[in-house]
Amino acid sequence: MTENGSAQPPAAGGGGAGSRLNWTAVSALAGAIAAVVALIAYLMPPTPSPSPEPSTPQPPMPSPTEVVPVPSPLLSAVRPGGCDEAAAALTAYHRNAGTIRSSQAAAAHQAYTDLMGAVLDAQGVVGAKISRLVAEFQELNFRLTGMTGGDPNQVIADINTDVAELKRLCGSI
């Protein structure tokens, strides 16, 4: 006899009080089934999701050997960096300068500030020309406000010369 008072193992299929589930075996079986399901899901190709039909017919895709010409106006439309920002700054200056010395000084200061932003995108000769305009608008502001002496018209003549050169470099501003 054993300690629990029973001398025989529980009867198979008896379903009585001595019948217990082997949870370790059940857990191992569940893990094996989960692994098989995961393996099947991994090996099966994904099903494509249905795509909506386009309402307008799409042009046929060119074959890899077909040469598609690129129109030249697209290539010429690219302007050097900083040109667009400089153009906007110069347009605002001409619009806001007016005839009163204080408004001219304010417009020159604003052009100086805007061109400082434009020079960040510019490179090479365009960048150098915009940097020169930055210095000239700063000098114009100083002369118009009385911070330095000198004739503002001399600076304006230099600005006009450099703006013409910038227009040439940028392909017209």
N, C-alpha and C. Protein backbone atom coordinates (compact mmCIF):
# COMPACT_ATOMS: atom_id res chain seq x y z
N MET A 1 0.81 -1.17 0.00
CA MET A 1 0.00 0.00 0.00
C MET A 1 0.85 1.24 0.00
N THR A 2 0.33 2.31 -0.60
CA THR A 2 1.07 3.57 -0.65
C THR A 2 0.56 4.48 0.44
N GLU A 3 1.16 5.62 0.52
CA GLU A 3 0.82 6.57 1.57
C GLU A 3 -0.59 7.09 1.46
N ASN A 4 -1.12 7.26 0.25
CA ASN A 4 -2.46 7.83 0.13
C ASN A 4 -3.53 6.76 0.32
N GLY A 5 -3.17 5.60 0.53
CA GLY A 5 -4.11 4.55 0.84
C GLY A 5 -4.52 3.73 -0.36
N SER A 6 -4.00 4.04 -1.54
CA SER A 6 -4.39 3.31 -2.73
C SER A 6 -3.24 2.44 -3.16
N ALA A 7 -3.55 1.24 -3.54
CA ALA A 7 -2.50 0.34 -3.96
C ALA A 7 -2.46 0.22 -5.47
N GLN A 8 -3.42 0.77 -6.15
CA GLN A 8 -3.47 0.62 -7.59
C GLN A 8 -3.49 2.00 -8.25
N PRO A 9 -2.92 2.09 -9.43
CA PRO A 9 -3.01 3.36 -10.16
C PRO A 9 -4.45 3.57 -10.60
N PRO A 10 -4.85 4.82 -10.90
CA PRO A 10 -6.22 5.07 -11.33
C PRO A 10 -6.52 4.33 -12.62
N ALA A 11 -7.74 3.90 -12.76
CA ALA A 11 -8.16 3.13 -13.94
C ALA A 11 -8.22 4.04 -15.14
N ALA A 12 -7.81 3.54 -16.29
CA ALA A 12 -7.82 4.33 -17.52
C ALA A 12 -9.25 4.53 -17.97
N GLY A 13 -9.58 5.78 -18.30
CA GLY A 13 -10.91 6.09 -18.80
C GLY A 13 -11.97 5.99 -17.74
N GLY A 14 -11.59 5.89 -16.52
CA GLY A 14 -12.55 5.75 -15.45
C GLY A 14 -13.30 7.02 -15.17
N GLY A 15 -12.69 8.15 -15.31
CA GLY A 15 -13.36 9.42 -15.12
C GLY A 15 -13.75 9.67 -13.68
N GLY A 16 -13.25 8.94 -12.78
CA GLY A 16 -13.61 9.11 -11.38
C GLY A 16 -12.78 10.17 -10.73
N ALA A 17 -12.77 10.15 -9.44
CA ALA A 17 -12.05 11.16 -8.67
C ALA A 17 -10.56 11.04 -8.86
N GLY A 18 -10.07 9.90 -9.19
CA GLY A 18 -8.65 9.71 -9.36
C GLY A 18 -8.15 10.13 -10.73
N SER A 19 -9.04 10.47 -11.66
CA SER A 19 -8.66 10.84 -13.02
C SER A 19 -8.26 12.31 -13.06
N ARG A 20 -7.03 12.62 -13.49
CA ARG A 20 -6.53 13.99 -13.60
C ARG A 20 -5.98 14.23 -14.99
N LEU A 21 -6.13 15.51 -15.45
CA LEU A 21 -5.58 15.89 -16.75
C LEU A 21 -4.10 16.18 -16.58
N ASN A 22 -3.33 15.77 -17.52
CA ASN A 22 -1.89 16.06 -17.49
C ASN A 22 -1.70 17.41 -18.19
N TRP A 23 -1.69 18.49 -17.43
CA TRP A 23 -1.63 19.83 -18.01
C TRP A 23 -0.31 20.10 -18.71
N THR A 24 0.71 19.47 -18.33
CA THR A 24 1.98 19.64 -19.01
C THR A 24 1.90 19.11 -20.43
N ALA A 25 1.25 17.96 -20.59
CA ALA A 25 1.09 17.39 -21.93
C ALA A 25 0.15 18.23 -22.78
N VAL A 26 -0.92 18.72 -22.17
CA VAL A 26 -1.88 19.57 -22.91
C VAL A 26 -1.18 20.85 -23.37
N SER A 27 -0.38 21.44 -22.51
CA SER A 27 0.34 22.66 -22.85
C SER A 27 1.34 22.42 -23.98
N ALA A 28 2.04 21.30 -23.91
CA ALA A 28 3.00 20.97 -24.96
C ALA A 28 2.29 20.73 -26.28
N LEU A 29 1.13 20.07 -26.25
CA LEU A 29 0.36 19.83 -27.47
C LEU A 29 -0.15 21.15 -28.06
N ALA A 30 -0.62 22.05 -27.21
CA ALA A 30 -1.10 23.36 -27.68
C ALA A 30 0.05 24.16 -28.30
N GLY A 31 1.22 24.09 -27.70
CA GLY A 31 2.38 24.79 -28.26
C GLY A 31 2.79 24.22 -29.60
N ALA A 32 2.71 22.91 -29.75
CA ALA A 32 3.06 22.28 -31.03
C ALA A 32 2.06 22.68 -32.11
N ILE A 33 0.77 22.73 -31.76
CA ILE A 33 -0.25 23.13 -32.74
C ILE A 33 -0.04 24.59 -33.14
N ALA A 34 0.25 25.45 -32.17
CA ALA A 34 0.49 26.86 -32.47
C ALA A 34 1.70 27.02 -33.38
N ALA A 35 2.73 26.22 -33.16
CA ALA A 35 3.92 26.30 -34.01
C ALA A 35 3.61 25.86 -35.43
N VAL A 36 2.79 24.83 -35.60
CA VAL A 36 2.40 24.35 -36.94
C VAL A 36 1.57 25.42 -37.65
N VAL A 37 0.63 26.03 -36.93
CA VAL A 37 -0.20 27.08 -37.54
C VAL A 37 0.67 28.26 -37.96
N ALA A 38 1.60 28.65 -37.11
CA ALA A 38 2.49 29.77 -37.44
C ALA A 38 3.36 29.44 -38.64
N LEU A 39 3.83 28.21 -38.72
CA LEU A 39 4.65 27.80 -39.86
C LEU A 39 3.86 27.82 -41.16
N ILE A 40 2.62 27.35 -41.12
CA ILE A 40 1.77 27.36 -42.32
C ILE A 40 1.49 28.80 -42.74
N ALA A 41 1.18 29.66 -41.77
CA ALA A 41 0.91 31.07 -42.09
C ALA A 41 2.15 31.74 -42.68
N TYR A 42 3.31 31.37 -42.20
CA TYR A 42 4.55 31.95 -42.71
C TYR A 42 4.85 31.48 -44.13
N LEU A 43 4.57 30.22 -44.41
CA LEU A 43 4.90 29.66 -45.72
C LEU A 43 3.89 30.00 -46.80
N MET A 44 2.67 30.32 -46.43
CA MET A 44 1.65 30.65 -47.44
C MET A 44 1.90 32.04 -47.99
N PRO A 45 1.75 32.22 -49.31
CA PRO A 45 1.92 33.57 -49.88
C PRO A 45 0.78 34.46 -49.44
N PRO A 46 1.06 35.76 -49.27
CA PRO A 46 0.00 36.67 -48.85
C PRO A 46 -1.02 36.84 -49.96
N THR A 47 -2.26 37.01 -49.58
CA THR A 47 -3.30 37.23 -50.57
C THR A 47 -3.34 38.72 -50.88
N PRO A 48 -3.33 39.04 -52.16
CA PRO A 48 -3.34 40.47 -52.52
C PRO A 48 -4.69 41.07 -52.18
N SER A 49 -4.64 42.30 -51.65
CA SER A 49 -5.89 42.99 -51.35
C SER A 49 -6.45 43.55 -52.63
N PRO A 50 -7.75 43.54 -52.77
CA PRO A 50 -8.33 44.04 -54.02
C PRO A 50 -8.13 45.54 -54.13
N SER A 51 -7.65 45.97 -55.27
CA SER A 51 -7.45 47.40 -55.48
C SER A 51 -8.62 47.94 -56.28
N PRO A 52 -9.06 49.15 -55.94
CA PRO A 52 -10.19 49.73 -56.68
C PRO A 52 -9.79 50.02 -58.13
N GLU A 53 -10.71 49.83 -58.99
CA GLU A 53 -10.47 50.11 -60.40
C GLU A 53 -10.38 51.61 -60.62
N PRO A 54 -9.39 52.08 -61.34
CA PRO A 54 -9.31 53.53 -61.60
C PRO A 54 -10.46 53.98 -62.48
N SER A 55 -10.96 55.18 -62.18
CA SER A 55 -12.09 55.69 -62.95
C SER A 55 -11.67 56.18 -64.33
N THR A 56 -10.42 56.55 -64.47
CA THR A 56 -9.93 56.99 -65.77
C THR A 56 -8.88 56.00 -66.25
N PRO A 57 -8.87 55.71 -67.52
CA PRO A 57 -7.87 54.75 -68.01
C PRO A 57 -6.47 55.34 -67.88
N GLN A 58 -5.54 54.51 -67.45
CA GLN A 58 -4.15 54.93 -67.28
C GLN A 58 -3.39 54.70 -68.59
N PRO A 59 -2.47 55.60 -68.94
CA PRO A 59 -1.68 55.38 -70.15
C PRO A 59 -0.75 54.18 -69.93
N PRO A 60 -0.44 53.50 -71.00
CA PRO A 60 0.44 52.33 -70.83
C PRO A 60 1.83 52.77 -70.38
N MET A 61 2.43 51.95 -69.56
CA MET A 61 3.77 52.21 -69.07
C MET A 61 4.76 51.99 -70.21
N PRO A 62 5.75 52.87 -70.36
CA PRO A 62 6.73 52.68 -71.43
C PRO A 62 7.59 51.45 -71.14
N SER A 63 7.98 50.79 -72.19
CA SER A 63 8.82 49.62 -72.01
C SER A 63 10.21 50.07 -71.57
N PRO A 64 10.96 49.20 -70.91
CA PRO A 64 12.28 49.60 -70.42
C PRO A 64 13.24 50.02 -71.53
N THR A 65 13.02 49.55 -72.74
CA THR A 65 13.94 49.90 -73.82
C THR A 65 13.52 51.16 -74.55
N GLU A 66 12.30 51.63 -74.28
CA GLU A 66 11.81 52.81 -74.97
C GLU A 66 12.42 54.06 -74.34
N VAL A 67 12.90 54.96 -75.16
CA VAL A 67 13.50 56.20 -74.69
C VAL A 67 12.41 57.26 -74.67
N VAL A 68 12.20 57.85 -73.50
CA VAL A 68 11.20 58.89 -73.35
C VAL A 68 11.92 60.22 -73.38
N PRO A 69 11.65 61.07 -74.37
CA PRO A 69 12.35 62.36 -74.44
C PRO A 69 11.87 63.28 -73.32
N VAL A 70 12.81 64.03 -72.75
CA VAL A 70 12.50 65.00 -71.72
C VAL A 70 12.46 66.36 -72.40
N PRO A 71 11.33 67.06 -72.29
CA PRO A 71 11.26 68.37 -72.93
C PRO A 71 12.26 69.34 -72.30
N SER A 72 12.89 70.15 -73.12
CA SER A 72 13.91 71.06 -72.64
C SER A 72 13.38 72.19 -71.77
N PRO A 73 12.12 72.65 -71.90
CA PRO A 73 11.67 73.71 -71.00
C PRO A 73 11.70 73.30 -69.52
N LEU A 74 11.55 72.01 -69.25
CA LEU A 74 11.62 71.59 -67.86
C LEU A 74 13.03 71.78 -67.30
N LEU A 75 14.00 71.56 -68.12
CA LEU A 75 15.37 71.71 -67.66
C LEU A 75 15.74 73.17 -67.47
N SER A 76 15.24 74.04 -68.30
CA SER A 76 15.59 75.44 -68.20
C SER A 76 14.82 76.15 -67.09
N ALA A 77 13.78 75.51 -66.54
CA ALA A 77 12.98 76.14 -65.50
C ALA A 77 13.68 76.12 -64.15
N VAL A 78 14.72 75.34 -64.00
CA VAL A 78 15.43 75.26 -62.73
C VAL A 78 16.34 76.48 -62.59
N ARG A 79 16.12 77.20 -61.49
CA ARG A 79 16.93 78.40 -61.24
C ARG A 79 17.88 78.13 -60.09
N PRO A 80 19.00 78.83 -60.08
CA PRO A 80 19.94 78.65 -58.97
C PRO A 80 19.29 78.97 -57.63
N GLY A 81 19.77 78.31 -56.59
CA GLY A 81 19.24 78.54 -55.25
C GLY A 81 19.42 79.99 -54.82
N GLY A 82 18.41 80.51 -54.14
CA GLY A 82 18.45 81.87 -53.66
C GLY A 82 17.82 82.89 -54.59
N CYS A 83 17.66 82.54 -55.87
CA CYS A 83 17.14 83.50 -56.85
C CYS A 83 15.69 83.88 -56.55
N ASP A 84 14.87 82.90 -56.25
CA ASP A 84 13.46 83.20 -56.00
C ASP A 84 13.29 84.05 -54.74
N GLU A 85 14.03 83.71 -53.69
CA GLU A 85 13.94 84.48 -52.46
C GLU A 85 14.46 85.91 -52.67
N ALA A 86 15.54 86.04 -53.43
CA ALA A 86 16.09 87.37 -53.71
C ALA A 86 15.10 88.19 -54.53
N ALA A 87 14.46 87.54 -55.49
CA ALA A 87 13.47 88.24 -56.32
C ALA A 87 12.32 88.76 -55.46
N ALA A 88 11.87 87.93 -54.52
CA ALA A 88 10.78 88.36 -53.63
C ALA A 88 11.22 89.53 -52.76
N ALA A 89 12.45 89.48 -52.25
CA ALA A 89 12.96 90.57 -51.41
C ALA A 89 13.07 91.87 -52.19
N LEU A 90 13.57 91.79 -53.41
CA LEU A 90 13.74 93.01 -54.24
C LEU A 90 12.39 93.58 -54.66
N THR A 91 11.44 92.70 -54.97
CA THR A 91 10.10 93.17 -55.33
C THR A 91 9.46 93.89 -54.15
N ALA A 92 9.58 93.31 -52.95
CA ALA A 92 9.03 93.95 -51.75
C ALA A 92 9.70 95.29 -51.49
N TYR A 93 11.01 95.38 -51.72
CA TYR A 93 11.71 96.64 -51.51
C TYR A 93 11.16 97.72 -52.44
N HIS A 94 11.02 97.40 -53.71
CA HIS A 94 10.53 98.40 -54.67
C HIS A 94 9.08 98.79 -54.38
N ARG A 95 8.31 97.85 -53.88
CA ARG A 95 6.91 98.14 -53.57
C ARG A 95 6.79 99.01 -52.33
N ASN A 96 7.67 98.82 -51.33
CA ASN A 96 7.51 99.48 -50.04
C ASN A 96 8.37 100.71 -49.83
N ALA A 97 9.34 100.98 -50.69
CA ALA A 97 10.30 102.06 -50.44
C ALA A 97 9.63 103.43 -50.39
N GLY A 98 8.77 103.72 -51.32
CA GLY A 98 8.09 105.02 -51.32
C GLY A 98 9.05 106.17 -51.56
N THR A 99 8.61 107.36 -51.17
CA THR A 99 9.42 108.57 -51.40
C THR A 99 9.91 109.21 -50.11
N ILE A 100 9.39 108.77 -48.99
CA ILE A 100 9.80 109.34 -47.70
C ILE A 100 11.03 108.58 -47.19
N ARG A 101 11.97 109.34 -46.67
CA ARG A 101 13.26 108.77 -46.24
C ARG A 101 13.07 107.65 -45.22
N SER A 102 12.15 107.80 -44.28
CA SER A 102 11.95 106.78 -43.24
C SER A 102 11.37 105.49 -43.83
N SER A 103 10.48 105.62 -44.81
CA SER A 103 9.94 104.40 -45.43
C SER A 103 10.99 103.73 -46.31
N GLN A 104 11.85 104.53 -46.91
CA GLN A 104 12.95 103.96 -47.70
C GLN A 104 13.92 103.20 -46.78
N ALA A 105 14.19 103.77 -45.61
CA ALA A 105 15.08 103.11 -44.66
C ALA A 105 14.46 101.80 -44.16
N ALA A 106 13.17 101.83 -43.86
CA ALA A 106 12.49 100.61 -43.40
C ALA A 106 12.49 99.54 -44.49
N ALA A 107 12.26 99.96 -45.73
CA ALA A 107 12.26 99.01 -46.85
C ALA A 107 13.66 98.44 -47.08
N ALA A 108 14.68 99.29 -46.92
CA ALA A 108 16.07 98.83 -47.08
C ALA A 108 16.42 97.82 -45.98
N HIS A 109 15.97 98.10 -44.75
CA HIS A 109 16.24 97.16 -43.65
C HIS A 109 15.53 95.83 -43.88
N GLN A 110 14.29 95.89 -44.37
CA GLN A 110 13.55 94.65 -44.65
C GLN A 110 14.21 93.87 -45.79
N ALA A 111 14.67 94.57 -46.81
CA ALA A 111 15.37 93.89 -47.92
C ALA A 111 16.66 93.24 -47.41
N TYR A 112 17.36 93.94 -46.53
CA TYR A 112 18.57 93.38 -45.92
C TYR A 112 18.24 92.07 -45.20
N THR A 113 17.19 92.08 -44.39
CA THR A 113 16.78 90.89 -43.63
C THR A 113 16.37 89.76 -44.56
N ASP A 114 15.54 90.08 -45.57
CA ASP A 114 15.07 89.05 -46.49
C ASP A 114 16.21 88.46 -47.32
N LEU A 115 17.13 89.30 -47.74
CA LEU A 115 18.26 88.81 -48.52
C LEU A 115 19.21 87.96 -47.68
N MET A 116 19.27 88.23 -46.38
CA MET A 116 20.06 87.37 -45.49
C MET A 116 19.52 85.95 -45.52
N GLY A 117 18.19 85.80 -45.60
CA GLY A 117 17.59 84.47 -45.72
C GLY A 117 17.85 83.86 -47.08
N ALA A 118 17.84 84.70 -48.12
CA ALA A 118 18.05 84.19 -49.48
C ALA A 118 19.47 83.68 -49.68
N VAL A 119 20.42 84.30 -49.03
CA VAL A 119 21.81 83.90 -49.23
C VAL A 119 22.08 82.52 -48.65
N LEU A 120 21.24 82.06 -47.73
CA LEU A 120 21.41 80.73 -47.15
C LEU A 120 21.20 79.62 -48.19
N ASP A 121 20.34 79.88 -49.18
CA ASP A 121 20.06 78.89 -50.23
C ASP A 121 20.95 79.06 -51.45
N ALA A 122 21.70 80.14 -51.51
CA ALA A 122 22.48 80.45 -52.70
C ALA A 122 23.90 79.91 -52.60
N GLN A 123 24.48 79.67 -53.77
CA GLN A 123 25.85 79.17 -53.84
C GLN A 123 26.58 79.89 -54.96
N GLY A 124 27.88 79.79 -54.93
CA GLY A 124 28.72 80.29 -56.02
C GLY A 124 28.55 81.77 -56.26
N VAL A 125 28.54 82.15 -57.56
CA VAL A 125 28.47 83.57 -57.92
C VAL A 125 27.13 84.19 -57.53
N VAL A 126 26.06 83.38 -57.54
CA VAL A 126 24.75 83.90 -57.12
C VAL A 126 24.80 84.24 -55.64
N GLY A 127 25.38 83.35 -54.85
CA GLY A 127 25.52 83.61 -53.42
C GLY A 127 26.37 84.84 -53.13
N ALA A 128 27.45 84.99 -53.90
CA ALA A 128 28.33 86.15 -53.72
C ALA A 128 27.60 87.45 -54.07
N LYS A 129 26.80 87.40 -55.14
CA LYS A 129 26.07 88.60 -55.56
C LYS A 129 25.00 88.97 -54.53
N ILE A 130 24.31 87.97 -53.99
CA ILE A 130 23.29 88.25 -52.97
C ILE A 130 23.95 88.77 -51.70
N SER A 131 25.10 88.23 -51.35
CA SER A 131 25.83 88.73 -50.17
C SER A 131 26.23 90.19 -50.36
N ARG A 132 26.64 90.53 -51.56
CA ARG A 132 26.99 91.92 -51.85
C ARG A 132 25.76 92.83 -51.70
N LEU A 133 24.60 92.34 -52.19
CA LEU A 133 23.37 93.12 -52.04
C LEU A 133 22.97 93.26 -50.58
N VAL A 134 23.22 92.25 -49.79
CA VAL A 134 22.93 92.32 -48.34
C VAL A 134 23.72 93.48 -47.74
N ALA A 135 25.00 93.53 -48.04
CA ALA A 135 25.85 94.60 -47.50
C ALA A 135 25.40 95.97 -48.01
N GLU A 136 25.01 96.04 -49.28
CA GLU A 136 24.59 97.33 -49.84
C GLU A 136 23.27 97.81 -49.22
N PHE A 137 22.33 96.92 -48.99
CA PHE A 137 21.08 97.34 -48.36
C PHE A 137 21.30 97.73 -46.90
N GLN A 138 22.24 97.09 -46.23
CA GLN A 138 22.57 97.50 -44.87
C GLN A 138 23.17 98.90 -44.88
N GLU A 139 24.09 99.14 -45.82
CA GLU A 139 24.70 100.47 -45.94
C GLU A 139 23.65 101.52 -46.29
N LEU A 140 22.72 101.18 -47.18
CA LEU A 140 21.65 102.12 -47.56
C LEU A 140 20.82 102.46 -46.33
N ASN A 141 20.47 101.48 -45.55
CA ASN A 141 19.70 101.73 -44.33
C ASN A 141 20.47 102.63 -43.37
N PHE A 142 21.78 102.38 -43.21
CA PHE A 142 22.59 103.22 -42.34
C PHE A 142 22.62 104.66 -42.83
N ARG A 143 22.77 104.86 -44.12
CA ARG A 143 22.83 106.23 -44.66
C ARG A 143 21.48 106.93 -44.56
N LEU A 144 20.40 106.19 -44.79
CA LEU A 144 19.07 106.81 -44.74
C LEU A 144 18.67 107.16 -43.30
N THR A 145 19.14 106.41 -42.34
CA THR A 145 18.79 106.70 -40.95
C THR A 145 19.79 107.65 -40.29
N GLY A 146 20.87 108.00 -40.98
CA GLY A 146 21.85 108.92 -40.43
C GLY A 146 22.90 108.26 -39.56
N MET A 147 22.96 106.94 -39.55
CA MET A 147 23.98 106.24 -38.75
C MET A 147 25.37 106.45 -39.33
N THR A 148 25.44 106.61 -40.64
CA THR A 148 26.70 106.92 -41.30
C THR A 148 26.43 108.04 -42.28
N GLY A 149 27.48 108.74 -42.64
CA GLY A 149 27.34 109.81 -43.60
C GLY A 149 27.46 109.29 -45.02
N GLY A 150 27.15 110.12 -45.95
CA GLY A 150 27.28 109.76 -47.35
C GLY A 150 25.95 109.86 -48.07
N ASP A 151 26.06 109.86 -49.37
CA ASP A 151 24.89 110.01 -50.23
C ASP A 151 24.23 108.64 -50.46
N PRO A 152 22.96 108.47 -50.07
CA PRO A 152 22.28 107.19 -50.31
C PRO A 152 22.17 106.85 -51.80
N ASN A 153 22.16 107.87 -52.65
CA ASN A 153 22.02 107.61 -54.08
C ASN A 153 23.23 106.85 -54.64
N GLN A 154 24.41 107.03 -54.04
CA GLN A 154 25.58 106.26 -54.47
C GLN A 154 25.35 104.76 -54.22
N VAL A 155 24.78 104.45 -53.06
CA VAL A 155 24.52 103.05 -52.73
C VAL A 155 23.41 102.51 -53.63
N ILE A 156 22.40 103.33 -53.91
CA ILE A 156 21.31 102.89 -54.77
C ILE A 156 21.84 102.57 -56.17
N ALA A 157 22.79 103.35 -56.66
CA ALA A 157 23.39 103.06 -57.97
C ALA A 157 24.12 101.72 -57.94
N ASP A 158 24.86 101.46 -56.86
CA ASP A 158 25.53 100.16 -56.73
C ASP A 158 24.52 99.01 -56.66
N ILE A 159 23.42 99.24 -55.92
CA ILE A 159 22.38 98.21 -55.80
C ILE A 159 21.79 97.92 -57.18
N ASN A 160 21.49 98.96 -57.94
CA ASN A 160 20.90 98.76 -59.27
C ASN A 160 21.83 97.97 -60.19
N THR A 161 23.13 98.25 -60.12
CA THR A 161 24.10 97.51 -60.92
C THR A 161 24.13 96.03 -60.52
N ASP A 162 24.14 95.77 -59.21
CA ASP A 162 24.19 94.39 -58.75
C ASP A 162 22.88 93.64 -59.00
N VAL A 163 21.76 94.35 -58.93
CA VAL A 163 20.47 93.70 -59.23
C VAL A 163 20.44 93.29 -60.70
N ALA A 164 20.95 94.14 -61.59
CA ALA A 164 20.99 93.78 -63.01
C ALA A 164 21.86 92.55 -63.23
N GLU A 165 22.99 92.47 -62.54
CA GLU A 165 23.86 91.30 -62.66
C GLU A 165 23.19 90.04 -62.09
N LEU A 166 22.48 90.21 -60.97
CA LEU A 166 21.77 89.07 -60.38
C LEU A 166 20.67 88.58 -61.30
N LYS A 167 20.00 89.49 -61.97
CA LYS A 167 18.97 89.10 -62.95
C LYS A 167 19.58 88.26 -64.07
N ARG A 168 20.74 88.66 -64.49
CA ARG A 168 21.42 87.90 -65.55
C ARG A 168 21.81 86.50 -65.05
N LEU A 169 22.33 86.43 -63.83
CA LEU A 169 22.75 85.15 -63.27
C LEU A 169 21.57 84.20 -63.01
N CYS A 170 20.45 84.79 -62.61
CA CYS A 170 19.28 83.97 -62.27
C CYS A 170 18.38 83.73 -63.47
N GLY A 171 18.69 84.31 -64.59
CA GLY A 171 17.80 84.16 -65.74
C GLY A 171 16.58 85.02 -65.58
N SER A 172 16.77 86.24 -65.18
CA SER A 172 15.74 87.26 -64.95
C SER A 172 15.02 87.01 -63.64
N ILE A 173 14.94 88.05 -62.88
CA ILE A 173 14.25 87.98 -61.58
C ILE A 173 12.88 88.57 -61.73
